[in-house]
Amino acid sequence: QVRLVESGGGVVQPGGSLRLSCTTSGLVFKFATMAWYRQVPGKERELVASISASGTADYVDSVQGRFVISRNNPYTTVFLQMNSLKPEDTAVYYCNSRPAKPNWGRGTQVTVSS
């Protein structure tokens, strides 16, 4: 079976940090480019960061310099270190491949509030 499980979200003040983790299973993710996405009410899910099997990372402009995506191997665990968090980073964060498979996990809530 295919499974994506996100964890590590929480409530932090602006300027704080969180580290998200994503465990994956299923052959569809082997050697795949993995990514973090986020979604807020009333908006489409957006790509935040991605990392290839070789370790090449890309970020959306709004998180460049603040977030770091990493993986411990090409397909099992993906991380997102989030620093200098802003209220506009508040969202449910999901991991998936890029392009995304339809098997979305539950996501993990990140709330940045003063």
Protein backbone atom coordinates (compact mmCIF):
# COMPACT_ATOMS: atom_id res chain seq x y z
CA GLN A 1 0.00 0.00 0.00
CA VAL A 2 1.00 3.63 -0.52
CA ARG A 3 1.26 5.79 2.57
CA LEU A 4 2.43 9.32 3.43
CA VAL A 5 2.51 10.35 7.09
CA GLU A 6 3.39 13.92 8.10
CA SER A 7 4.29 15.05 11.61
CA GLY A 8 6.00 17.86 13.50
CA GLY A 9 3.49 20.67 13.13
CA GLY A 10 2.39 22.88 15.97
CA VAL A 11 1.79 26.43 17.16
CA VAL A 12 4.70 28.86 17.24
CA GLN A 13 5.22 32.61 17.50
CA PRO A 14 6.50 34.63 14.55
CA GLY A 15 10.23 34.11 14.18
CA GLY A 16 10.07 30.63 15.63
CA SER A 17 11.07 27.32 14.07
CA LEU A 18 9.57 23.91 13.40
CA ARG A 19 10.89 20.74 11.81
CA LEU A 20 8.41 18.66 9.83
CA SER A 21 8.92 14.99 9.03
CA CYS A 22 7.34 12.79 6.39
CA THR A 23 7.59 9.03 6.28
CA THR A 24 6.81 7.36 2.98
CA SER A 25 6.06 3.89 1.78
CA GLY A 26 5.38 2.36 -1.59
CA LEU A 27 7.46 1.78 -4.69
CA VAL A 28 5.98 4.87 -6.37
CA PHE A 29 8.26 7.03 -4.19
CA LYS A 30 11.49 5.16 -4.84
CA PHE A 31 14.03 7.54 -6.39
CA ALA A 32 11.29 10.11 -6.87
CA THR A 33 11.58 13.84 -6.42
CA MET A 34 9.82 14.56 -3.12
CA ALA A 35 8.16 17.78 -2.06
CA TRP A 36 6.31 19.67 0.64
CA TYR A 37 3.04 21.37 -0.19
CA ARG A 38 0.76 23.56 1.91
CA GLN A 39 -2.85 24.62 1.81
CA VAL A 40 -4.92 27.29 3.56
CA PRO A 41 -8.71 27.66 3.49
CA GLY A 42 -9.97 29.15 0.24
CA LYS A 43 -6.73 28.60 -1.67
CA GLU A 44 -5.27 25.88 -3.85
CA ARG A 45 -2.60 23.62 -2.46
CA GLU A 46 0.79 25.11 -3.36
CA LEU A 47 4.26 23.71 -3.75
CA VAL A 48 6.66 24.89 -1.03
CA ALA A 49 9.88 22.96 -1.63
CA SER A 50 11.15 19.92 -3.48
CA ILE A 51 14.22 17.72 -3.40
CA SER A 52 15.42 15.29 -6.04
CA ALA A 53 16.83 11.84 -5.39
CA SER A 54 20.29 13.33 -5.91
CA GLY A 55 19.68 16.06 -3.33
CA THR A 56 18.94 19.07 -5.54
CA ALA A 57 16.51 21.35 -3.69
CA ASP A 58 14.15 24.03 -4.97
CA TYR A 59 11.97 26.47 -3.04
CA VAL A 60 9.11 28.80 -3.68
CA ASP A 61 10.29 32.41 -3.46
CA SER A 62 8.32 33.13 -0.29
CA VAL A 63 10.30 30.57 1.77
CA GLN A 64 13.70 30.85 0.09
CA GLY A 65 16.36 31.38 2.73
CA ARG A 66 14.06 30.39 5.59
CA PHE A 67 13.12 26.75 4.89
CA VAL A 68 15.41 23.80 4.19
CA ILE A 69 14.20 20.52 2.69
CA SER A 70 16.22 17.35 3.16
CA ARG A 71 15.91 13.58 2.97
CA ASN A 72 17.76 10.74 4.64
CA ASN A 73 17.54 8.55 1.57
CA PRO A 74 15.90 8.73 -1.86
CA TYR A 75 12.47 7.55 -0.74
CA THR A 76 11.76 6.88 2.95
CA THR A 77 11.92 10.08 5.02
CA VAL A 78 11.68 13.74 4.03
CA PHE A 79 12.15 16.74 6.33
CA LEU A 80 11.32 20.42 6.22
CA GLN A 81 13.20 22.69 8.61
CA MET A 82 11.23 25.92 8.89
CA ASN A 83 12.95 28.96 10.39
CA SER A 84 11.93 32.58 10.85
CA LEU A 85 8.30 31.58 10.56
CA LYS A 86 5.73 34.19 9.58
CA PRO A 87 1.96 34.27 10.11
CA GLU A 88 1.49 33.76 6.37
CA ASP A 89 3.21 30.37 6.71
CA THR A 90 0.15 29.13 8.61
CA ALA A 91 -1.28 26.18 6.69
CA VAL A 92 -1.69 22.44 6.62
CA TYR A 93 1.54 21.00 5.26
CA TYR A 94 1.61 17.86 3.13
CA CYS A 95 4.37 15.80 1.57
CA ASN A 96 4.18 13.98 -1.72
CA SER A 97 6.22 13.37 -4.82
CA ARG A 98 6.59 15.93 -7.60
CA PRO A 99 4.52 15.64 -9.61
CA ALA A 100 2.14 14.56 -6.86
CA LYS A 101 0.47 11.20 -6.65
CA PRO A 102 -3.23 11.15 -5.66
CA ASN A 103 -2.48 9.39 -2.36
CA TRP A 104 -2.35 12.41 -0.03
CA GLY A 105 -1.74 11.99 3.68
CA ARG A 106 -3.58 13.81 6.46
CA GLY A 107 -1.04 16.63 6.61
CA THR A 108 0.23 18.43 9.70
CA GLN A 109 -1.05 21.80 10.90
CA VAL A 110 1.40 24.67 11.28
CA THR A 111 0.09 27.77 13.02
CA VAL A 112 2.22 30.89 13.37
CA SER A 113 0.59 33.43 15.64
CA SER A 114 1.54 36.10 18.14
